[in-house]
Amino acid sequence: MKNVIGTGLLVAAAICLGAPGIAGASGSSVDEVRWQCGADSVTVRSYPGGPAIPGETIGYGVRVNVDNHNDNVWWHINSPYGGYVLAQYFC
């Protein structure tokens, strides 16, 4: 019985320790400021590759707060707007 309990605890610990790695595979949570340096303006999207959010464009030199790198192609920003932008346009 002790082996069963001990094994159960080890499995539970492994799952808990492995969870951040699993979550991190789909993106990386960050909190960093970047600025738009690659185009006259960049549109903010409602989801990666999705439609532009009307009126939400980031002009050259404007700073944004990135909170998730996702797939390193589409970053999620939360300031000055909330949505997705193409990473290639930001320094």
PDB file of N, CA and C in Angstrom:
ATOM      1  N   MET A   1       0.830  -1.197   0.000  1.00  0.00           N
ATOM      2  CA  MET A   1       0.000   0.000   0.000  1.00  0.00           C
ATOM      3  C   MET A   1       0.875   1.263   0.000  1.00  0.00           C
ATOM      4  N   LYS A   2       2.000   1.233   0.753  1.00  0.00           N
ATOM      5  CA  LYS A   2       2.885   2.403   0.773  1.00  0.00           C
ATOM      6  C   LYS A   2       3.455   2.678  -0.609  1.00  0.00           C
ATOM      7  N   ASN A   3       3.780   1.615  -1.368  1.00  0.00           N
ATOM      8  CA  ASN A   3       4.306   1.812  -2.716  1.00  0.00           C
ATOM      9  C   ASN A   3       3.290   2.471  -3.627  1.00  0.00           C
ATOM     10  N   VAL A   4       2.036   2.100  -3.501  1.00  0.00           N
ATOM     11  CA  VAL A   4       0.987   2.681  -4.329  1.00  0.00           C
ATOM     12  C   VAL A   4       0.836   4.173  -4.016  1.00  0.00           C
ATOM     13  N   ILE A   5       0.827   4.532  -2.743  1.00  0.00           N
ATOM     14  CA  ILE A   5       0.708   5.936  -2.335  1.00  0.00           C
ATOM     15  C   ILE A   5       1.931   6.713  -2.786  1.00  0.00           C
ATOM     16  N   GLY A   6       3.109   6.137  -2.571  1.00  0.00           N
ATOM     17  CA  GLY A   6       4.346   6.803  -2.987  1.00  0.00           C
ATOM     18  C   GLY A   6       4.410   7.017  -4.484  1.00  0.00           C
ATOM     19  N   THR A   7       4.005   6.017  -5.240  1.00  0.00           N
ATOM     20  CA  THR A   7       3.984   6.134  -6.694  1.00  0.00           C
ATOM     21  C   THR A   7       2.984   7.192  -7.127  1.00  0.00           C
ATOM     22  N   GLY A   8       1.832   7.224  -6.492  1.00  0.00           N
ATOM     23  CA  GLY A   8       0.817   8.232  -6.809  1.00  0.00           C
ATOM     24  C   GLY A   8       1.324   9.641  -6.558  1.00  0.00           C
ATOM     25  N   LEU A   9       2.047   9.816  -5.458  1.00  0.00           N
ATOM     26  CA  LEU A   9       2.605  11.139  -5.154  1.00  0.00           C
ATOM     27  C   LEU A   9       3.660  11.535  -6.175  1.00  0.00           C
ATOM     28  N   LEU A  10       4.493  10.595  -6.587  1.00  0.00           N
ATOM     29  CA  LEU A  10       5.511  10.898  -7.590  1.00  0.00           C
ATOM     30  C   LEU A  10       4.881  11.273  -8.927  1.00  0.00           C
ATOM     31  N   VAL A  11       3.848  10.569  -9.322  1.00  0.00           N
ATOM     32  CA  VAL A  11       3.157  10.875 -10.573  1.00  0.00           C
ATOM     33  C   VAL A  11       2.514  12.250 -10.489  1.00  0.00           C
ATOM     34  N   ALA A  12       1.861  12.548  -9.370  1.00  0.00           N
ATOM     35  CA  ALA A  12       1.225  13.863  -9.194  1.00  0.00           C
ATOM     36  C   ALA A  12       2.268  14.974  -9.235  1.00  0.00           C
ATOM     37  N   ALA A  13       3.406  14.764  -8.596  1.00  0.00           N
ATOM     38  CA  ALA A  13       4.468  15.773  -8.604  1.00  0.00           C
ATOM     39  C   ALA A  13       5.012  15.979 -10.013  1.00  0.00           C
ATOM     40  N   ALA A  14       5.189  14.887 -10.745  1.00  0.00           N
ATOM     41  CA  ALA A  14       5.691  14.993 -12.114  1.00  0.00           C
ATOM     42  C   ALA A  14       4.719  15.764 -13.000  1.00  0.00           C
ATOM     43  N   ILE A  15       3.433  15.518 -12.821  1.00  0.00           N
ATOM     44  CA  ILE A  15       2.427  16.248 -13.608  1.00  0.00           C
ATOM     45  C   ILE A  15       2.463  17.726 -13.271  1.00  0.00           C
ATOM     46  N   CYS A  16       2.533  18.062 -12.001  1.00  0.00           N
ATOM     47  CA  CYS A  16       2.569  19.464 -11.586  1.00  0.00           C
ATOM     48  C   CYS A  16       3.824  20.161 -12.088  1.00  0.00           C
ATOM     49  N   LEU A  17       4.957  19.483 -11.998  1.00  0.00           N
ATOM     50  CA  LEU A  17       6.202  20.086 -12.463  1.00  0.00           C
ATOM     51  C   LEU A  17       6.247  20.190 -13.976  1.00  0.00           C
ATOM     52  N   GLY A  18       5.606  19.267 -14.660  1.00  0.00           N
ATOM     53  CA  GLY A  18       5.604  19.281 -16.113  1.00  0.00           C
ATOM     54  C   GLY A  18       4.622  20.260 -16.709  1.00  0.00           C
ATOM     55  N   ALA A  19       3.629  20.662 -15.970  1.00  0.00           N
ATOM     56  CA  ALA A  19       2.582  21.541 -16.505  1.00  0.00           C
ATOM     57  C   ALA A  19       3.119  22.846 -17.058  1.00  0.00           C
ATOM     58  N   PRO A  20       4.048  23.564 -16.371  1.00  0.00           N
ATOM     59  CA  PRO A  20       4.538  24.815 -16.962  1.00  0.00           C
ATOM     60  C   PRO A  20       5.209  24.587 -18.305  1.00  0.00           C
ATOM     61  N   GLY A  21       5.929  23.503 -18.477  1.00  0.00           N
ATOM     62  CA  GLY A  21       6.562  23.213 -19.749  1.00  0.00           C
ATOM     63  C   GLY A  21       5.545  22.960 -20.836  1.00  0.00           C
ATOM     64  N   ILE A  22       4.475  22.297 -20.495  1.00  0.00           N
ATOM     65  CA  ILE A  22       3.419  22.038 -21.461  1.00  0.00           C
ATOM     66  C   ILE A  22       2.753  23.356 -21.854  1.00  0.00           C
ATOM     67  N   ALA A  23       2.447  24.173 -20.871  1.00  0.00           N
ATOM     68  CA  ALA A  23       1.817  25.465 -21.162  1.00  0.00           C
ATOM     69  C   ALA A  23       2.752  26.347 -21.967  1.00  0.00           C
ATOM     70  N   GLY A  24       4.046  26.293 -21.674  1.00  0.00           N
ATOM     71  CA  GLY A  24       5.009  27.129 -22.364  1.00  0.00           C
ATOM     72  C   GLY A  24       5.200  26.752 -23.823  1.00  0.00           C
ATOM     73  N   ALA A  25       4.809  25.539 -24.193  1.00  0.00           N
ATOM     74  CA  ALA A  25       4.999  25.104 -25.565  1.00  0.00           C
ATOM     75  C   ALA A  25       4.131  25.899 -26.528  1.00  0.00           C
ATOM     76  N   SER A  26       2.992  26.399 -26.085  1.00  0.00           N
ATOM     77  CA  SER A  26       2.095  27.120 -26.969  1.00  0.00           C
ATOM     78  C   SER A  26       2.414  28.608 -27.023  1.00  0.00           C
ATOM     79  N   GLY A  27       3.312  29.089 -26.229  1.00  0.00           N
ATOM     80  CA  GLY A  27       3.679  30.489 -26.223  1.00  0.00           C
ATOM     81  C   GLY A  27       4.470  30.808 -24.991  1.00  0.00           C
ATOM     82  N   SER A  28       5.032  31.971 -24.988  1.00  0.00           N
ATOM     83  CA  SER A  28       5.800  32.346 -23.818  1.00  0.00           C
ATOM     84  C   SER A  28       5.241  33.641 -23.249  1.00  0.00           C
ATOM     85  N   SER A  29       4.836  33.596 -22.008  1.00  0.00           N
ATOM     86  CA  SER A  29       4.319  34.784 -21.346  1.00  0.00           C
ATOM     87  C   SER A  29       5.477  35.694 -20.987  1.00  0.00           C
ATOM     88  N   VAL A  30       5.337  36.929 -21.337  1.00  0.00           N
ATOM     89  CA  VAL A  30       6.376  37.929 -21.072  1.00  0.00           C
ATOM     90  C   VAL A  30       5.696  39.220 -20.646  1.00  0.00           C
ATOM     91  N   ASP A  31       6.480  40.158 -20.278  1.00  0.00           N
ATOM     92  CA  ASP A  31       5.993  41.516 -20.014  1.00  0.00           C
ATOM     93  C   ASP A  31       7.119  42.436 -20.428  1.00  0.00           C
ATOM     94  N   GLU A  32       7.077  42.873 -21.680  1.00  0.00           N
ATOM     95  CA  GLU A  32       8.178  43.679 -22.196  1.00  0.00           C
ATOM     96  C   GLU A  32       7.652  44.768 -23.112  1.00  0.00           C
ATOM     97  N   VAL A  33       8.418  45.827 -23.188  1.00  0.00           N
ATOM     98  CA  VAL A  33       8.072  46.947 -24.052  1.00  0.00           C
ATOM     99  C   VAL A  33       8.896  46.825 -25.330  1.00  0.00           C
ATOM    100  N   ARG A  34       8.221  46.918 -26.454  1.00  0.00           N
ATOM    101  CA  ARG A  34       8.867  46.930 -27.768  1.00  0.00           C
ATOM    102  C   ARG A  34       8.325  48.128 -28.532  1.00  0.00           C
ATOM    103  N   TRP A  35       9.000  48.527 -29.582  1.00  0.00           N
ATOM    104  CA  TRP A  35       8.494  49.635 -30.377  1.00  0.00           C
ATOM    105  C   TRP A  35       8.399  49.197 -31.831  1.00  0.00           C
ATOM    106  N   GLN A  36       7.471  49.835 -32.540  1.00  0.00           N
ATOM    107  CA  GLN A  36       7.220  49.512 -33.926  1.00  0.00           C
ATOM    108  C   GLN A  36       8.282  50.189 -34.762  1.00  0.00           C
ATOM    109  N   CYS A  37       9.067  49.384 -35.475  1.00  0.00           N
ATOM    110  CA  CYS A  37      10.202  49.933 -36.216  1.00  0.00           C
ATOM    111  C   CYS A  37      10.268  49.420 -37.645  1.00  0.00           C
ATOM    112  N   GLY A  38       9.235  48.721 -38.120  1.00  0.00           N
ATOM    113  CA  GLY A  38       9.353  48.073 -39.415  1.00  0.00           C
ATOM    114  C   GLY A  38       8.410  48.519 -40.507  1.00  0.00           C
ATOM    115  N   ALA A  39       7.536  49.474 -40.225  1.00  0.00           N
ATOM    116  CA  ALA A  39       6.580  49.920 -41.244  1.00  0.00           C
ATOM    117  C   ALA A  39       5.998  51.263 -40.836  1.00  0.00           C
ATOM    118  N   ASP A  40       5.328  51.909 -41.767  1.00  0.00           N
ATOM    119  CA  ASP A  40       4.667  53.169 -41.426  1.00  0.00           C
ATOM    120  C   ASP A  40       3.599  52.932 -40.370  1.00  0.00           C
ATOM    121  N   SER A  41       2.860  51.827 -40.521  1.00  0.00           N
ATOM    122  CA  SER A  41       1.855  51.470 -39.522  1.00  0.00           C
ATOM    123  C   SER A  41       1.607  49.960 -39.578  1.00  0.00           C
ATOM    124  N   VAL A  42       1.170  49.426 -38.455  1.00  0.00           N
ATOM    125  CA  VAL A  42       0.869  48.002 -38.319  1.00  0.00           C
ATOM    126  C   VAL A  42      -0.531  47.888 -37.740  1.00  0.00           C
ATOM    127  N   THR A  43      -1.348  47.026 -38.328  1.00  0.00           N
ATOM    128  CA  THR A  43      -2.702  46.844 -37.804  1.00  0.00           C
ATOM    129  C   THR A  43      -2.706  45.802 -36.698  1.00  0.00           C
ATOM    130  N   VAL A  44      -3.581  46.020 -35.741  1.00  0.00           N
ATOM    131  CA  VAL A  44      -3.778  45.079 -34.643  1.00  0.00           C
ATOM    132  C   VAL A  44      -4.896  44.129 -35.060  1.00  0.00           C
ATOM    133  N   ARG A  45      -4.683  42.841 -34.846  1.00  0.00           N
ATOM    134  CA  ARG A  45      -5.644  41.807 -35.260  1.00  0.00           C
ATOM    135  C   ARG A  45      -6.365  41.229 -34.055  1.00  0.00           C
ATOM    136  N   SER A  46      -7.567  40.748 -34.281  1.00  0.00           N
ATOM    137  CA  SER A  46      -8.349  40.171 -33.190  1.00  0.00           C
ATOM    138  C   SER A  46      -7.842  38.784 -32.802  1.00  0.00           C
ATOM    139  N   TYR A  47      -7.225  38.074 -33.727  1.00  0.00           N
ATOM    140  CA  TYR A  47      -6.574  36.795 -33.461  1.00  0.00           C
ATOM    141  C   TYR A  47      -5.482  36.636 -34.510  1.00  0.00           C
ATOM    142  N   PRO A  48      -4.495  35.754 -34.290  1.00  0.00           N
ATOM    143  CA  PRO A  48      -3.392  35.621 -35.250  1.00  0.00           C
ATOM    144  C   PRO A  48      -3.888  35.383 -36.672  1.00  0.00           C
ATOM    145  N   GLY A  49      -3.514  36.282 -37.562  1.00  0.00           N
ATOM    146  CA  GLY A  49      -3.931  36.168 -38.953  1.00  0.00           C
ATOM    147  C   GLY A  49      -5.364  36.578 -39.213  1.00  0.00           C
ATOM    148  N   GLY A  50      -6.044  37.018 -38.183  1.00  0.00           N
ATOM    149  CA  GLY A  50      -7.455  37.379 -38.304  1.00  0.00           C
ATOM    150  C   GLY A  50      -7.658  38.775 -38.861  1.00  0.00           C
ATOM    151  N   PRO A  51      -8.915  39.207 -38.843  1.00  0.00           N
ATOM    152  CA  PRO A  51      -9.234  40.533 -39.381  1.00  0.00           C
ATOM    153  C   PRO A  51      -8.671  41.649 -38.499  1.00  0.00           C
ATOM    154  N   ALA A  52      -8.397  42.766 -39.138  1.00  0.00           N
ATOM    155  CA  ALA A  52      -7.911  43.928 -38.414  1.00  0.00           C
ATOM    156  C   ALA A  52      -9.009  44.469 -37.502  1.00  0.00           C
ATOM    157  N   ILE A  53      -8.596  44.993 -36.370  1.00  0.00           N
ATOM    158  CA  ILE A  53      -9.546  45.647 -35.469  1.00  0.00           C
ATOM    159  C   ILE A  53      -9.648  47.101 -35.933  1.00  0.00           C
ATOM    160  N   PRO A  54     -10.820  47.548 -36.351  1.00  0.00           N
ATOM    161  CA  PRO A  54     -10.975  48.900 -36.897  1.00  0.00           C
ATOM    162  C   PRO A  54     -10.430  49.976 -35.960  1.00  0.00           C
ATOM    163  N   GLY A  55      -9.624  50.860 -36.534  1.00  0.00           N
ATOM    164  CA  GLY A  55      -9.099  51.989 -35.779  1.00  0.00           C
ATOM    165  C   GLY A  55      -7.903  51.686 -34.898  1.00  0.00           C
ATOM    166  N   GLU A  56      -7.480  50.441 -34.838  1.00  0.00           N
ATOM    167  CA  GLU A  56      -6.347  50.095 -33.988  1.00  0.00           C
ATOM    168  C   GLU A  56      -5.125  49.793 -34.839  1.00  0.00           C
ATOM    169  N   THR A  57      -4.371  50.854 -35.094  1.00  0.00           N
ATOM    170  CA  THR A  57      -3.118  50.720 -35.820  1.00  0.00           C
ATOM    171  C   THR A  57      -1.993  51.291 -34.970  1.00  0.00           C
ATOM    172  N   ILE A  58      -0.819  50.742 -35.140  1.00  0.00           N
ATOM    173  CA  ILE A  58       0.358  51.174 -34.378  1.00  0.00           C
ATOM    174  C   ILE A  58       1.286  51.862 -35.365  1.00  0.00           C
ATOM    175  N   GLY A  59       1.521  53.137 -35.166  1.00  0.00           N
ATOM    176  CA  GLY A  59       2.398  53.897 -36.044  1.00  0.00           C
ATOM    177  C   GLY A  59       3.869  53.657 -35.744  1.00  0.00           C
ATOM    178  N   TYR A  60       4.722  54.071 -36.681  1.00  0.00           N
ATOM    179  CA  TYR A  60       6.162  53.919 -36.520  1.00  0.00           C
ATOM    180  C   TYR A  60       6.636  54.612 -35.245  1.00  0.00           C
ATOM    181  N   GLY A  61       7.436  53.916 -34.459  1.00  0.00           N
ATOM    182  CA  GLY A  61       8.001  54.479 -33.236  1.00  0.00           C
ATOM    183  C   GLY A  61       7.119  54.343 -32.002  1.00  0.00           C
ATOM    184  N   VAL A  62       5.896  53.885 -32.162  1.00  0.00           N
ATOM    185  CA  VAL A  62       4.990  53.741 -31.017  1.00  0.00           C
ATOM    186  C   VAL A  62       5.385  52.510 -30.207  1.00  0.00           C
ATOM    187  N   ARG A  63       5.395  52.658 -28.895  1.00  0.00           N
ATOM    188  CA  ARG A  63       5.749  51.558 -27.988  1.00  0.00           C
ATOM    189  C   ARG A  63       4.509  50.733 -27.654  1.00  0.00           C
ATOM    190  N   VAL A  64       4.729  49.423 -27.542  1.00  0.00           N
ATOM    191  CA  VAL A  64       3.657  48.499 -27.164  1.00  0.00           C
ATOM    192  C   VAL A  64       4.156  47.635 -26.020  1.00  0.00           C
ATOM    193  N   ASN A  65       3.228  47.096 -25.271  1.00  0.00           N
ATOM    194  CA  ASN A  65       3.582  46.130 -24.234  1.00  0.00           C
ATOM    195  C   ASN A  65       3.202  44.743 -24.736  1.00  0.00           C
ATOM    196  N   VAL A  66       4.208  43.883 -24.875  1.00  0.00           N
ATOM    197  CA  VAL A  66       3.995  42.512 -25.330  1.00  0.00           C
ATOM    198  C   VAL A  66       3.804  41.642 -24.098  1.00  0.00           C
ATOM    199  N   ASP A  67       2.728  40.849 -24.071  1.00  0.00           N
ATOM    200  CA  ASP A  67       2.524  39.966 -22.918  1.00  0.00           C
ATOM    201  C   ASP A  67       2.596  38.489 -23.289  1.00  0.00           C
ATOM    202  N   ASN A  68       2.742  38.184 -24.600  1.00  0.00           N
ATOM    203  CA  ASN A  68       2.920  36.782 -24.979  1.00  0.00           C
ATOM    204  C   ASN A  68       3.520  36.713 -26.375  1.00  0.00           C
ATOM    205  N   HIS A  69       4.608  35.952 -26.508  1.00  0.00           N
ATOM    206  CA  HIS A  69       5.262  35.789 -27.813  1.00  0.00           C
ATOM    207  C   HIS A  69       4.568  34.752 -28.690  1.00  0.00           C
ATOM    208  N   ASN A  70       3.641  33.985 -28.133  1.00  0.00           N
ATOM    209  CA  ASN A  70       2.907  32.955 -28.882  1.00  0.00           C
ATOM    210  C   ASN A  70       3.867  32.110 -29.695  1.00  0.00           C
ATOM    211  N   ASP A  71       3.757  32.185 -31.009  1.00  0.00           N
ATOM    212  CA  ASP A  71       4.584  31.365 -31.900  1.00  0.00           C
ATOM    213  C   ASP A  71       5.775  32.142 -32.456  1.00  0.00           C
ATOM    214  N   ASN A  72       6.058  33.318 -31.900  1.00  0.00           N
ATOM    215  CA  ASN A  72       7.108  34.231 -32.362  1.00  0.00           C
ATOM    216  C   ASN A  72       6.847  34.779 -33.758  1.00  0.00           C
ATOM    217  N   VAL A  73       5.672  34.563 -34.278  1.00  0.00           N
ATOM    218  CA  VAL A  73       5.246  35.206 -35.519  1.00  0.00           C
ATOM    219  C   VAL A  73       4.201  36.263 -35.168  1.00  0.00           C
ATOM    220  N   TRP A  74       3.195  35.848 -34.399  1.00  0.00           N
ATOM    221  CA  TRP A  74       2.146  36.759 -33.934  1.00  0.00           C
ATOM    222  C   TRP A  74       2.309  36.967 -32.431  1.00  0.00           C
ATOM    223  N   TRP A  75       2.626  38.203 -32.018  1.00  0.00           N
ATOM    224  CA  TRP A  75       2.729  38.533 -30.597  1.00  0.00           C
ATOM    225  C   TRP A  75       1.394  39.079 -30.113  1.00  0.00           C
ATOM    226  N   HIS A  76       1.065  38.768 -28.867  1.00  0.00           N
ATOM    227  CA  HIS A  76      -0.113  39.378 -28.252  1.00  0.00           C
ATOM    228  C   HIS A  76       0.339  40.606 -27.477  1.00  0.00           C
ATOM    229  N   ILE A  77      -0.346  41.726 -27.700  1.00  0.00           N
ATOM    230  CA  ILE A  77      -0.037  42.953 -26.963  1.00  0.00           C
ATOM    231  C   ILE A  77      -1.239  43.329 -26.107  1.00  0.00           C
ATOM    232  N   ASN A  78      -0.954  44.084 -25.034  1.00  0.00           N
ATOM    233  CA  ASN A  78      -2.052  44.547 -24.189  1.00  0.00           C
ATOM    234  C   ASN A  78      -2.038  46.060 -24.006  1.00  0.00           C
ATOM    235  N   SER A  79      -1.144  46.750 -24.707  1.00  0.00           N
ATOM    236  CA  SER A  79      -1.104  48.203 -24.642  1.00  0.00           C
ATOM    237  C   SER A  79      -0.350  48.709 -25.867  1.00  0.00           C
ATOM    238  N   PRO A  80      -0.786  49.729 -26.556  1.00  0.00           N
ATOM    239  CA  PRO A  80      -1.913  50.610 -26.286  1.00  0.00           C
ATOM    240  C   PRO A  80      -3.259  49.991 -26.648  1.00  0.00           C
ATOM    241  N   TYR A  81      -3.250  48.873 -27.356  1.00  0.00           N
ATOM    242  CA  TYR A  81      -4.470  48.144 -27.683  1.00  0.00           C
ATOM    243  C   TYR A  81      -4.290  46.697 -27.252  1.00  0.00           C
ATOM    244  N   GLY A  82      -5.356  45.947 -27.266  1.00  0.00           N
ATOM    245  CA  GLY A  82      -5.270  44.521 -26.999  1.00  0.00           C
ATOM    246  C   GLY A  82      -5.518  43.749 -28.282  1.00  0.00           C
ATOM    247  N   GLY A  83      -4.587  42.875 -28.640  1.00  0.00           N
ATOM    248  CA  GLY A  83      -4.754  42.086 -29.848  1.00  0.00           C
ATOM    249  C   GLY A  83      -3.432  41.491 -30.286  1.00  0.00           C
ATOM    250  N   TYR A  84      -3.351  41.108 -31.545  1.00  0.00           N
ATOM    251  CA  TYR A  84      -2.174  40.438 -32.093  1.00  0.00           C
ATOM    252  C   TYR A  84      -1.528  41.286 -33.173  1.00  0.00           C
ATOM    253  N   VAL A  85      -0.204  41.287 -33.179  1.00  0.00           N
ATOM    254  CA  VAL A  85       0.578  42.001 -34.188  1.00  0.00           C
ATOM    255  C   VAL A  85       1.656  41.077 -34.713  1.00  0.00           C
ATOM    256  N   LEU A  86       2.104  41.327 -35.940  1.00  0.00           N
ATOM    257  CA  LEU A  86       3.207  40.558 -36.488  1.00  0.00           C
ATOM    258  C   LEU A  86       4.511  40.989 -35.828  1.00  0.00           C
ATOM    259  N   ALA A  87       5.212  40.043 -35.271  1.00  0.00           N
ATOM    260  CA  ALA A  87       6.444  40.325 -34.516  1.00  0.00           C
ATOM    261  C   ALA A  87       7.517  40.978 -35.363  1.00  0.00           C
ATOM    262  N   GLN A  88       7.555  40.673 -36.656  1.00  0.00           N
ATOM    263  CA  GLN A  88       8.628  41.170 -37.519  1.00  0.00           C
ATOM    264  C   GLN A  88       8.700  42.688 -37.589  1.00  0.00           C
ATOM    265  N   TYR A  89       7.632  43.389 -37.203  1.00  0.00           N
ATOM    266  CA  TYR A  89       7.623  44.837 -37.283  1.00  0.00           C
ATOM    267  C   TYR A  89       8.069  45.534 -36.004  1.00  0.00           C
ATOM    268  N   PHE A  90       8.506  44.762 -35.010  1.00  0.00           N
ATOM    269  CA  PHE A  90       8.834  45.360 -33.714  1.00  0.00           C
ATOM    270  C   PHE A  90      10.274  45.084 -33.315  1.00  0.00           C
ATOM    271  N   CYS A  91      10.887  46.110 -32.734  1.00  0.00           N
ATOM    272  CA  CYS A  91      12.266  46.013 -32.239  1.00  0.00           C
ATOM    273  C   CYS A  91      12.266  45.914 -30.722  1.00  0.00           C
TER     274      CYS A  91
END
